[in-house]
Amino acid sequence: DVTVSVADSNSPHEPLTHYRNAMASTSTSSIRGILPVFSALLAEV
């Protein structure tokens, strides 16, 4: 029972868009995460 977004030649940013939209709509009180990179978009999110 998972939702998967995969980058391909037609939608190379699909995973990042999925994550950004999910974070924008979350109503969580806390976030715990492991980040392998610090992109400008992830920093913004």
PDB file of all heavy atoms in Angstrom:
ATOM      1  N   ASP A   1       0.841  -1.197   0.000  1.00  0.00           N
ATOM      2  CA  ASP A   1       0.000   0.000   0.000  1.00  0.00           C
ATOM      3  C   ASP A   1       0.876   1.248   0.000  1.00  0.00           C
ATOM      4  O   ASP A   1       0.961   1.963   0.995  1.00  0.00           O
ATOM      5  CB  ASP A   1      -0.937  -0.016   1.211  1.00  0.00           C
ATOM      6  CG  ASP A   1      -1.949   1.114   1.184  1.00  0.00           C
ATOM      7  OD1 ASP A   1      -2.181   1.670   0.102  1.00  0.00           O
ATOM      8  OD2 ASP A   1      -2.506   1.442   2.255  1.00  0.00           O
ATOM      9  N   VAL A   2       1.546   1.499  -1.118  1.00  0.00           N
ATOM     10  CA  VAL A   2       2.400   2.680  -1.231  1.00  0.00           C
ATOM     11  C   VAL A   2       2.051   3.459  -2.495  1.00  0.00           C
ATOM     12  O   VAL A   2       1.470   2.917  -3.435  1.00  0.00           O
ATOM     13  CB  VAL A   2       3.903   2.304  -1.271  1.00  0.00           C
ATOM     14  CG1 VAL A   2       4.329   1.595   0.001  1.00  0.00           C
ATOM     15  CG2 VAL A   2       4.224   1.457  -2.502  1.00  0.00           C
ATOM     16  N   THR A   3       2.385   4.740  -2.479  1.00  0.00           N
ATOM     17  CA  THR A   3       2.285   5.581  -3.671  1.00  0.00           C
ATOM     18  C   THR A   3       3.700   5.884  -4.136  1.00  0.00           C
ATOM     19  O   THR A   3       4.533   6.319  -3.334  1.00  0.00           O
ATOM     20  CB  THR A   3       1.546   6.895  -3.357  1.00  0.00           C
ATOM     21  OG1 THR A   3       0.230   6.595  -2.896  1.00  0.00           O
ATOM     22  CG2 THR A   3       1.458   7.767  -4.591  1.00  0.00           C
ATOM     23  N   VAL A   4       3.973   5.638  -5.401  1.00  0.00           N
ATOM     24  CA  VAL A   4       5.331   5.786  -5.923  1.00  0.00           C
ATOM     25  C   VAL A   4       5.350   6.786  -7.077  1.00  0.00           C
ATOM     26  O   VAL A   4       4.525   6.719  -7.983  1.00  0.00           O
ATOM     27  CB  VAL A   4       5.879   4.428  -6.410  1.00  0.00           C
ATOM     28  CG1 VAL A   4       7.282   4.604  -6.989  1.00  0.00           C
ATOM     29  CG2 VAL A   4       5.897   3.414  -5.273  1.00  0.00           C
ATOM     30  N   SER A   5       6.302   7.705  -7.024  1.00  0.00           N
ATOM     31  CA  SER A   5       6.548   8.627  -8.131  1.00  0.00           C
ATOM     32  C   SER A   5       7.971   8.403  -8.615  1.00  0.00           C
ATOM     33  O   SER A   5       8.912   8.440  -7.817  1.00  0.00           O
ATOM     34  CB  SER A   5       6.377  10.083  -7.681  1.00  0.00           C
ATOM     35  OG  SER A   5       5.040  10.343  -7.312  1.00  0.00           O
ATOM     36  N   VAL A   6       8.116   8.176  -9.917  1.00  0.00           N
ATOM     37  CA  VAL A   6       9.416   7.855 -10.489  1.00  0.00           C
ATOM     38  C   VAL A   6       9.761   8.862 -11.585  1.00  0.00           C
ATOM     39  O   VAL A   6       8.907   9.214 -12.408  1.00  0.00           O
ATOM     40  CB  VAL A   6       9.418   6.425 -11.074  1.00  0.00           C
ATOM     41  CG1 VAL A   6      10.774   6.114 -11.702  1.00  0.00           C
ATOM     42  CG2 VAL A   6       9.082   5.402 -10.003  1.00  0.00           C
ATOM     43  N   ALA A   7      10.986   9.319 -11.579  1.00  0.00           N
ATOM     44  CA  ALA A   7      11.437  10.238 -12.625  1.00  0.00           C
ATOM     45  C   ALA A   7      11.646   9.489 -13.931  1.00  0.00           C
ATOM     46  O   ALA A   7      12.127   8.362 -13.949  1.00  0.00           O
ATOM     47  CB  ALA A   7      12.736  10.907 -12.195  1.00  0.00           C
ATOM     48  N   ASP A   8      11.242  10.106 -15.024  1.00  0.00           N
ATOM     49  CA  ASP A   8      11.535   9.560 -16.347  1.00  0.00           C
ATOM     50  C   ASP A   8      11.829  10.719 -17.293  1.00  0.00           C
ATOM     51  O   ASP A   8      11.840  11.882 -16.882  1.00  0.00           O
ATOM     52  CB  ASP A   8      10.389   8.675 -16.863  1.00  0.00           C
ATOM     53  CG  ASP A   8       9.054   9.398 -16.942  1.00  0.00           C
ATOM     54  OD1 ASP A   8       9.058  10.631 -17.168  1.00  0.00           O
ATOM     55  OD2 ASP A   8       8.004   8.747 -16.780  1.00  0.00           O
ATOM     56  N   SER A   9      12.075  10.403 -18.551  1.00  0.00           N
ATOM     57  CA  SER A   9      12.456  11.443 -19.496  1.00  0.00           C
ATOM     58  C   SER A   9      11.362  12.480 -19.710  1.00  0.00           C
ATOM     59  O   SER A   9      11.641  13.640 -20.011  1.00  0.00           O
ATOM     60  CB  SER A   9      12.828  10.804 -20.846  1.00  0.00           C
ATOM     61  OG  SER A   9      11.742  10.037 -21.358  1.00  0.00           O
ATOM     62  N   ASN A  10      10.106  12.079 -19.534  1.00  0.00           N
ATOM     63  CA  ASN A  10       8.987  13.008 -19.717  1.00  0.00           C
ATOM     64  C   ASN A  10       8.701  13.834 -18.461  1.00  0.00           C
ATOM     65  O   ASN A  10       8.228  14.961 -18.556  1.00  0.00           O
ATOM     66  CB  ASN A  10       7.727  12.237 -20.116  1.00  0.00           C
ATOM     67  CG  ASN A  10       7.841  11.590 -21.475  1.00  0.00           C
ATOM     68  OD1 ASN A  10       8.418  12.172 -22.394  1.00  0.00           O
ATOM     69  ND2 ASN A  10       7.301  10.377 -21.607  1.00  0.00           N
ATOM     70  N   SER A  11       8.974  13.243 -17.281  1.00  0.00           N
ATOM     71  CA  SER A  11       8.708  13.935 -16.016  1.00  0.00           C
ATOM     72  C   SER A  11       9.898  13.758 -15.079  1.00  0.00           C
ATOM     73  O   SER A  11       9.814  13.039 -14.074  1.00  0.00           O
ATOM     74  CB  SER A  11       7.432  13.388 -15.365  1.00  0.00           C
ATOM     75  OG  SER A  11       6.322  13.491 -16.224  1.00  0.00           O
ATOM     76  N   PRO A  12      11.016  14.397 -15.383  1.00  0.00           N
ATOM     77  CA  PRO A  12      12.230  14.188 -14.581  1.00  0.00           C
ATOM     78  C   PRO A  12      12.124  14.697 -13.150  1.00  0.00           C
ATOM     79  O   PRO A  12      12.875  14.254 -12.278  1.00  0.00           O
ATOM     80  CB  PRO A  12      13.300  14.953 -15.365  1.00  0.00           C
ATOM     81  CG  PRO A  12      12.536  15.990 -16.136  1.00  0.00           C
ATOM     82  CD  PRO A  12      11.246  15.334 -16.491  1.00  0.00           C
ATOM     83  N   HIS A  13      11.182  15.628 -12.891  1.00  0.00           N
ATOM     84  CA  HIS A  13      11.061  16.203 -11.553  1.00  0.00           C
ATOM     85  C   HIS A  13       9.837  15.680 -10.792  1.00  0.00           C
ATOM     86  O   HIS A  13       9.467  16.239  -9.763  1.00  0.00           O
ATOM     87  CB  HIS A  13      10.988  17.727 -11.652  1.00  0.00           C
ATOM     88  CG  HIS A  13      12.140  18.344 -12.385  1.00  0.00           C
ATOM     89  ND1 HIS A  13      13.444  18.209 -11.967  1.00  0.00           N
ATOM     90  CD2 HIS A  13      12.180  19.083 -13.532  1.00  0.00           C
ATOM     91  CE1 HIS A  13      14.247  18.836 -12.794  1.00  0.00           C
ATOM     92  NE2 HIS A  13      13.500  19.370 -13.756  1.00  0.00           N
ATOM     93  N   GLU A  14       9.218  14.641 -11.302  1.00  0.00           N
ATOM     94  CA  GLU A  14       7.999  14.123 -10.684  1.00  0.00           C
ATOM     95  C   GLU A  14       8.180  13.760  -9.211  1.00  0.00           C
ATOM     96  O   GLU A  14       7.342  14.118  -8.376  1.00  0.00           O
ATOM     97  CB  GLU A  14       7.489  12.913 -11.474  1.00  0.00           C
ATOM     98  CG  GLU A  14       6.231  12.272 -10.904  1.00  0.00           C
ATOM     99  CD  GLU A  14       5.031  13.210 -10.905  1.00  0.00           C
ATOM    100  OE1 GLU A  14       5.004  14.127 -11.739  1.00  0.00           O
ATOM    101  OE2 GLU A  14       4.130  13.016 -10.055  1.00  0.00           O
ATOM    102  N   PRO A  15       9.245  13.043  -8.816  1.00  0.00           N
ATOM    103  CA  PRO A  15       9.404  12.716  -7.393  1.00  0.00           C
ATOM    104  C   PRO A  15       9.510  13.947  -6.504  1.00  0.00           C
ATOM    105  O   PRO A  15       8.913  13.997  -5.418  1.00  0.00           O
ATOM    106  CB  PRO A  15      10.698  11.887  -7.364  1.00  0.00           C
ATOM    107  CG  PRO A  15      10.819  11.341  -8.749  1.00  0.00           C
ATOM    108  CD  PRO A  15      10.289  12.415  -9.633  1.00  0.00           C
ATOM    109  N   LEU A  16      10.265  14.944  -6.959  1.00  0.00           N
ATOM    110  CA  LEU A  16      10.429  16.164  -6.170  1.00  0.00           C
ATOM    111  C   LEU A  16       9.119  16.938  -6.083  1.00  0.00           C
ATOM    112  O   LEU A  16       8.761  17.476  -5.015  1.00  0.00           O
ATOM    113  CB  LEU A  16      11.524  17.036  -6.780  1.00  0.00           C
ATOM    114  CG  LEU A  16      12.038  18.197  -5.922  1.00  0.00           C
ATOM    115  CD1 LEU A  16      12.490  17.707  -4.567  1.00  0.00           C
ATOM    116  CD2 LEU A  16      13.160  18.911  -6.646  1.00  0.00           C
ATOM    117  N   THR A  17       8.376  16.979  -7.176  1.00  0.00           N
ATOM    118  CA  THR A  17       7.071  17.644  -7.162  1.00  0.00           C
ATOM    119  C   THR A  17       6.117  16.937  -6.223  1.00  0.00           C
ATOM    120  O   THR A  17       5.393  17.591  -5.447  1.00  0.00           O
ATOM    121  CB  THR A  17       6.479  17.666  -8.588  1.00  0.00           C
ATOM    122  OG1 THR A  17       7.357  18.365  -9.466  1.00  0.00           O
ATOM    123  CG2 THR A  17       5.113  18.328  -8.591  1.00  0.00           C
ATOM    124  N   HIS A  18       6.120  15.616  -6.268  1.00  0.00           N
ATOM    125  CA  HIS A  18       5.271  14.827  -5.365  1.00  0.00           C
ATOM    126  C   HIS A  18       5.605  15.152  -3.912  1.00  0.00           C
ATOM    127  O   HIS A  18       4.707  15.399  -3.098  1.00  0.00           O
ATOM    128  CB  HIS A  18       5.501  13.336  -5.636  1.00  0.00           C
ATOM    129  CG  HIS A  18       4.742  12.416  -4.739  1.00  0.00           C
ATOM    130  ND1 HIS A  18       3.790  11.546  -5.200  1.00  0.00           N
ATOM    131  CD2 HIS A  18       4.769  12.220  -3.392  1.00  0.00           C
ATOM    132  CE1 HIS A  18       3.274  10.864  -4.185  1.00  0.00           C
ATOM    133  NE2 HIS A  18       3.871  11.255  -3.084  1.00  0.00           N
ATOM    134  N   TYR A  19       6.883  15.152  -3.580  1.00  0.00           N
ATOM    135  CA  TYR A  19       7.304  15.409  -2.197  1.00  0.00           C
ATOM    136  C   TYR A  19       6.936  16.823  -1.767  1.00  0.00           C
ATOM    137  O   TYR A  19       6.400  17.034  -0.672  1.00  0.00           O
ATOM    138  CB  TYR A  19       8.811  15.192  -2.081  1.00  0.00           C
ATOM    139  CG  TYR A  19       9.344  15.374  -0.676  1.00  0.00           C
ATOM    140  CD1 TYR A  19       9.172  14.381   0.279  1.00  0.00           C
ATOM    141  CD2 TYR A  19      10.016  16.542  -0.314  1.00  0.00           C
ATOM    142  CE1 TYR A  19       9.660  14.549   1.571  1.00  0.00           C
ATOM    143  CE2 TYR A  19      10.499  16.718   0.973  1.00  0.00           C
ATOM    144  CZ  TYR A  19      10.329  15.720   1.912  1.00  0.00           C
ATOM    145  OH  TYR A  19      10.806  15.892   3.189  1.00  0.00           O
ATOM    146  N   ARG A  20       7.200  17.795  -2.609  1.00  0.00           N
ATOM    147  CA  ARG A  20       6.891  19.183  -2.269  1.00  0.00           C
ATOM    148  C   ARG A  20       5.405  19.369  -2.020  1.00  0.00           C
ATOM    149  O   ARG A  20       4.998  20.003  -1.034  1.00  0.00           O
ATOM    150  CB  ARG A  20       7.341  20.105  -3.404  1.00  0.00           C
ATOM    151  CG  ARG A  20       7.027  21.590  -3.158  1.00  0.00           C
ATOM    152  CD  ARG A  20       7.452  22.431  -4.329  1.00  0.00           C
ATOM    153  NE  ARG A  20       6.774  22.016  -5.552  1.00  0.00           N
ATOM    154  CZ  ARG A  20       7.105  22.464  -6.766  1.00  0.00           C
ATOM    155  NH1 ARG A  20       8.100  23.312  -6.922  1.00  0.00           N
ATOM    156  NH2 ARG A  20       6.428  22.048  -7.831  1.00  0.00           N
ATOM    157  N   ASN A  21       4.562  18.802  -2.890  1.00  0.00           N
ATOM    158  CA  ASN A  21       3.112  18.935  -2.716  1.00  0.00           C
ATOM    159  C   ASN A  21       2.633  18.239  -1.455  1.00  0.00           C
ATOM    160  O   ASN A  21       1.744  18.735  -0.750  1.00  0.00           O
ATOM    161  CB  ASN A  21       2.388  18.365  -3.934  1.00  0.00           C
ATOM    162  CG  ASN A  21       2.616  19.185  -5.187  1.00  0.00           C
ATOM    163  OD1 ASN A  21       3.020  20.346  -5.107  1.00  0.00           O
ATOM    164  ND2 ASN A  21       2.369  18.595  -6.343  1.00  0.00           N
ATOM    165  N   ALA A  22       3.211  17.073  -1.169  1.00  0.00           N
ATOM    166  CA  ALA A  22       2.812  16.345   0.041  1.00  0.00           C
ATOM    167  C   ALA A  22       3.191  17.121   1.289  1.00  0.00           C
ATOM    168  O   ALA A  22       2.410  17.206   2.245  1.00  0.00           O
ATOM    169  CB  ALA A  22       3.461  14.961   0.048  1.00  0.00           C
ATOM    170  N   MET A  23       4.375  17.711   1.304  1.00  0.00           N
ATOM    171  CA  MET A  23       4.808  18.490   2.461  1.00  0.00           C
ATOM    172  C   MET A  23       3.982  19.767   2.612  1.00  0.00           C
ATOM    173  O   MET A  23       3.678  20.204   3.724  1.00  0.00           O
ATOM    174  CB  MET A  23       6.292  18.847   2.329  1.00  0.00           C
ATOM    175  CG  MET A  23       7.244  17.666   2.467  1.00  0.00           C
ATOM    176  SD  MET A  23       7.237  16.901   4.105  1.00  0.00           S
ATOM    177  CE  MET A  23       6.141  15.504   3.816  1.00  0.00           C
ATOM    178  N   ALA A  24       3.599  20.350   1.490  1.00  0.00           N
ATOM    179  CA  ALA A  24       2.808  21.584   1.538  1.00  0.00           C
ATOM    180  C   ALA A  24       1.418  21.339   2.111  1.00  0.00           C
ATOM    181  O   ALA A  24       0.817  22.243   2.703  1.00  0.00           O
ATOM    182  CB  ALA A  24       2.696  22.194   0.145  1.00  0.00           C
ATOM    183  N   SER A  25       0.905  20.137   1.941  1.00  0.00           N
ATOM    184  CA  SER A  25      -0.452  19.846   2.400  1.00  0.00           C
ATOM    185  C   SER A  25      -0.498  19.109   3.740  1.00  0.00           C
ATOM    186  O   SER A  25      -1.573  18.825   4.247  1.00  0.00           O
ATOM    187  CB  SER A  25      -1.196  19.010   1.352  1.00  0.00           C
ATOM    188  OG  SER A  25      -0.559  17.764   1.152  1.00  0.00           O
ATOM    189  N   THR A  26       0.655  18.823   4.316  1.00  0.00           N
ATOM    190  CA  THR A  26       0.665  18.079   5.569  1.00  0.00           C
ATOM    191  C   THR A  26       0.194  18.936   6.737  1.00  0.00           C
ATOM    192  O   THR A  26       0.378  20.152   6.742  1.00  0.00           O
ATOM    193  CB  THR A  26       2.073  17.517   5.872  1.00  0.00           C
ATOM    194  OG1 THR A  26       1.995  16.680   7.029  1.00  0.00           O
ATOM    195  CG2 THR A  26       3.069  18.638   6.142  1.00  0.00           C
ATOM    196  N   SER A  27      -0.410  18.283   7.723  1.00  0.00           N
ATOM    197  CA  SER A  27      -0.827  18.987   8.931  1.00  0.00           C
ATOM    198  C   SER A  27      -0.092  18.433  10.138  1.00  0.00           C
ATOM    199  O   SER A  27      -0.590  18.464  11.256  1.00  0.00           O
ATOM    200  CB  SER A  27      -2.341  18.836   9.133  1.00  0.00           C
ATOM    201  OG  SER A  27      -2.715  17.454   9.196  1.00  0.00           O
ATOM    202  N   THR A  28       1.097  17.937   9.918  1.00  0.00           N
ATOM    203  CA  THR A  28       1.876  17.308  10.973  1.00  0.00           C
ATOM    204  C   THR A  28       2.375  18.307  11.999  1.00  0.00           C
ATOM    205  O   THR A  28       2.537  19.494  11.714  1.00  0.00           O
ATOM    206  CB  THR A  28       3.081  16.561  10.352  1.00  0.00           C
ATOM    207  OG1 THR A  28       3.731  15.804  11.362  1.00  0.00           O
ATOM    208  CG2 THR A  28       4.072  17.535   9.728  1.00  0.00           C
ATOM    209  N   SER A  29       2.636  17.809  13.191  1.00  0.00           N
ATOM    210  CA  SER A  29       3.200  18.659  14.245  1.00  0.00           C
ATOM    211  C   SER A  29       4.716  18.531  14.305  1.00  0.00           C
ATOM    212  O   SER A  29       5.394  19.356  14.922  1.00  0.00           O
ATOM    213  CB  SER A  29       2.606  18.282  15.607  1.00  0.00           C
ATOM    214  OG  SER A  29       2.947  16.943  15.949  1.00  0.00           O
ATOM    215  N   SER A  30       5.253  17.482  13.671  1.00  0.00           N
ATOM    216  CA  SER A  30       6.703  17.285  13.698  1.00  0.00           C
ATOM    217  C   SER A  30       7.179  16.608  12.418  1.00  0.00           C
ATOM    218  O   SER A  30       6.411  15.937  11.733  1.00  0.00           O
ATOM    219  CB  SER A  30       7.107  16.439  14.911  1.00  0.00           C
ATOM    220  OG  SER A  30       6.610  15.109  14.776  1.00  0.00           O
ATOM    221  N   ILE A  31       8.451  16.824  12.136  1.00  0.00           N
ATOM    222  CA  ILE A  31       9.121  16.208  10.983  1.00  0.00           C
ATOM    223  C   ILE A  31      10.440  15.620  11.466  1.00  0.00           C
ATOM    224  O   ILE A  31      11.191  16.277  12.200  1.00  0.00           O
ATOM    225  CB  ILE A  31       9.427  17.246   9.882  1.00  0.00           C
ATOM    226  CG1 ILE A  31       8.145  17.723   9.199  1.00  0.00           C
ATOM    227  CG2 ILE A  31      10.402  16.676   8.852  1.00  0.00           C
ATOM    228  CD1 ILE A  31       7.559  16.762   8.202  1.00  0.00           C
ATOM    229  N   ARG A  32      10.698  14.390  11.072  1.00  0.00           N
ATOM    230  CA  ARG A  32      12.019  13.797  11.270  1.00  0.00           C
ATOM    231  C   ARG A  32      12.522  13.338   9.909  1.00  0.00           C
ATOM    232  O   ARG A  32      11.753  12.738   9.151  1.00  0.00           O
ATOM    233  CB  ARG A  32      11.964  12.609  12.233  1.00  0.00           C
ATOM    234  CG  ARG A  32      11.632  12.981  13.669  1.00  0.00           C
ATOM    235  CD  ARG A  32      11.524  11.745  14.545  1.00  0.00           C
ATOM    236  NE  ARG A  32      10.341  10.958  14.209  1.00  0.00           N
ATOM    237  CZ  ARG A  32      10.170   9.677  14.553  1.00  0.00           C
ATOM    238  NH1 ARG A  32      11.131   9.032  15.196  1.00  0.00           N
ATOM    239  NH2 ARG A  32       9.063   9.043  14.229  1.00  0.00           N
ATOM    240  N   GLY A  33      13.757  13.637   9.593  1.00  0.00           N
ATOM    241  CA  GLY A  33      14.205  13.298   8.253  1.00  0.00           C
ATOM    242  C   GLY A  33      15.692  13.051   8.139  1.00  0.00           C
ATOM    243  O   GLY A  33      16.483  13.474   8.985  1.00  0.00           O
ATOM    244  N   ILE A  34      16.055  12.334   7.080  1.00  0.00           N
ATOM    245  CA  ILE A  34      17.444  12.141   6.687  1.00  0.00           C
ATOM    246  C   ILE A  34      17.572  12.720   5.287  1.00  0.00           C
ATOM    247  O   ILE A  34      16.845  12.326   4.377  1.00  0.00           O
ATOM    248  CB  ILE A  34      17.831  10.645   6.650  1.00  0.00           C
ATOM    249  CG1 ILE A  34      17.625  10.004   8.022  1.00  0.00           C
ATOM    250  CG2 ILE A  34      19.285  10.475   6.204  1.00  0.00           C
ATOM    251  CD1 ILE A  34      17.862   8.496   8.032  1.00  0.00           C
ATOM    252  N   LEU A  35      18.474  13.678   5.124  1.00  0.00           N
ATOM    253  CA  LEU A  35      18.658  14.329   3.829  1.00  0.00           C
ATOM    254  C   LEU A  35      20.053  14.054   3.300  1.00  0.00           C
ATOM    255  O   LEU A  35      21.041  14.382   3.960  1.00  0.00           O
ATOM    256  CB  LEU A  35      18.456  15.844   3.952  1.00  0.00           C
ATOM    257  CG  LEU A  35      17.048  16.352   4.278  1.00  0.00           C
ATOM    258  CD1 LEU A  35      17.050  17.876   4.288  1.00  0.00           C
ATOM    259  CD2 LEU A  35      16.038  15.837   3.277  1.00  0.00           C
ATOM    260  N   PRO A  36      20.169  13.478   2.101  1.00  0.00           N
ATOM    261  CA  PRO A  36      21.488  13.239   1.517  1.00  0.00           C
ATOM    262  C   PRO A  36      22.045  14.455   0.800  1.00  0.00           C
ATOM    263  O   PRO A  36      23.243  14.531   0.531  1.00  0.00           O
ATOM    264  CB  PRO A  36      21.223  12.100   0.531  1.00  0.00           C
ATOM    265  CG  PRO A  36      19.809  12.323   0.097  1.00  0.00           C
ATOM    266  CD  PRO A  36      19.089  12.885   1.287  1.00  0.00           C
ATOM    267  N   VAL A  37      21.158  15.413   0.461  1.00  0.00           N
ATOM    268  CA  VAL A  37      21.568  16.653  -0.204  1.00  0.00           C
ATOM    269  C   VAL A  37      20.727  17.793   0.358  1.00  0.00           C
ATOM    270  O   VAL A  37      19.665  17.575   0.928  1.00  0.00           O
ATOM    271  CB  VAL A  37      21.376  16.582  -1.739  1.00  0.00           C
ATOM    272  CG1 VAL A  37      22.222  15.486  -2.343  1.00  0.00           C
ATOM    273  CG2 VAL A  37      19.917  16.384  -2.094  1.00  0.00           C
ATOM    274  N   PHE A  38      21.219  19.017   0.167  1.00  0.00           N
ATOM    275  CA  PHE A  38      20.462  20.208   0.564  1.00  0.00           C
ATOM    276  C   PHE A  38      20.227  21.046  -0.687  1.00  0.00           C
ATOM    277  O   PHE A  38      21.018  21.898  -1.033  1.00  0.00           O
ATOM    278  CB  PHE A  38      21.241  21.028   1.587  1.00  0.00           C
ATOM    279  CG  PHE A  38      20.615  21.053   2.949  1.00  0.00           C
ATOM    280  CD1 PHE A  38      21.375  20.809   4.073  1.00  0.00           C
ATOM    281  CD2 PHE A  38      19.270  21.334   3.114  1.00  0.00           C
ATOM    282  CE1 PHE A  38      20.811  20.836   5.329  1.00  0.00           C
ATOM    283  CE2 PHE A  38      18.691  21.363   4.371  1.00  0.00           C
ATOM    284  CZ  PHE A  38      19.468  21.103   5.485  1.00  0.00           C
ATOM    285  N   SER A  39      19.149  20.776  -1.405  1.00  0.00           N
ATOM    286  CA  SER A  39      18.833  21.593  -2.568  1.00  0.00           C
ATOM    287  C   SER A  39      18.066  22.825  -2.114  1.00  0.00           C
ATOM    288  O   SER A  39      17.507  22.865  -1.014  1.00  0.00           O
ATOM    289  CB  SER A  39      17.989  20.790  -3.563  1.00  0.00           C
ATOM    290  OG  SER A  39      16.692  20.546  -3.028  1.00  0.00           O
ATOM    291  N   ALA A  40      18.012  23.814  -2.983  1.00  0.00           N
ATOM    292  CA  ALA A  40      17.292  25.045  -2.651  1.00  0.00           C
ATOM    293  C   ALA A  40      15.815  24.747  -2.411  1.00  0.00           C
ATOM    294  O   ALA A  40      15.195  25.321  -1.503  1.00  0.00           O
ATOM    295  CB  ALA A  40      17.460  26.060  -3.781  1.00  0.00           C
ATOM    296  N   LEU A  41      15.254  23.829  -3.202  1.00  0.00           N
ATOM    297  CA  LEU A  41      13.837  23.507  -3.057  1.00  0.00           C
ATOM    298  C   LEU A  41      13.560  22.791  -1.742  1.00  0.00           C
ATOM    299  O   LEU A  41      12.590  23.105  -1.043  1.00  0.00           O
ATOM    300  CB  LEU A  41      13.359  22.654  -4.230  1.00  0.00           C
ATOM    301  CG  LEU A  41      11.866  22.285  -4.234  1.00  0.00           C
ATOM    302  CD1 LEU A  41      11.002  23.544  -4.162  1.00  0.00           C
ATOM    303  CD2 LEU A  41      11.519  21.480  -5.477  1.00  0.00           C
ATOM    304  N   LEU A  42      14.410  21.838  -1.386  1.00  0.00           N
ATOM    305  CA  LEU A  42      14.219  21.144  -0.113  1.00  0.00           C
ATOM    306  C   LEU A  42      14.378  22.106   1.055  1.00  0.00           C
ATOM    307  O   LEU A  42      13.649  22.013   2.047  1.00  0.00           O
ATOM    308  CB  LEU A  42      15.205  19.986   0.014  1.00  0.00           C
ATOM    309  CG  LEU A  42      14.939  18.761  -0.865  1.00  0.00           C
ATOM    310  CD1 LEU A  42      16.049  17.729  -0.703  1.00  0.00           C
ATOM    311  CD2 LEU A  42      13.585  18.143  -0.524  1.00  0.00           C
ATOM    312  N   ALA A  43      15.333  23.024   0.947  1.00  0.00           N
ATOM    313  CA  ALA A  43      15.506  24.024   2.000  1.00  0.00           C
ATOM    314  C   ALA A  43      14.251  24.888   2.124  1.00  0.00           C
ATOM    315  O   ALA A  43      13.808  25.227   3.230  1.00  0.00           O
ATOM    316  CB  ALA A  43      16.725  24.891   1.701  1.00  0.00           C
ATOM    317  N   GLU A  44      13.649  25.238   0.985  1.00  0.00           N
ATOM    318  CA  GLU A  44      12.429  26.035   0.995  1.00  0.00           C
ATOM    319  C   GLU A  44      11.267  25.271   1.629  1.00  0.00           C
ATOM    320  O   GLU A  44      10.526  25.814   2.455  1.00  0.00           O
ATOM    321  CB  GLU A  44      12.064  26.428  -0.430  1.00  0.00           C
ATOM    322  CG  GLU A  44      10.759  27.214  -0.542  1.00  0.00           C
ATOM    323  CD  GLU A  44      10.362  27.473  -1.988  1.00  0.00           C
ATOM    324  OE1 GLU A  44      11.227  27.356  -2.876  1.00  0.00           O
ATOM    325  OE2 GLU A  44       9.177  27.761  -2.224  1.00  0.00           O
ATOM    326  N   VAL A  45      11.134  23.989   1.243  1.00  0.00           N
ATOM    327  CA  VAL A  45      10.039  23.166   1.776  1.00  0.00           C
ATOM    328  C   VAL A  45      10.126  23.065   3.291  1.00  0.00           C
ATOM    329  O   VAL A  45       9.144  23.306   4.008  1.00  0.00           O
ATOM    330  CB  VAL A  45      10.074  21.757   1.140  1.00  0.00           C
ATOM    331  CG1 VAL A  45       9.151  20.806   1.900  1.00  0.00           C
ATOM    332  CG2 VAL A  45       9.663  21.823  -0.324  1.00  0.00           C
TER     333      VAL A  45
END
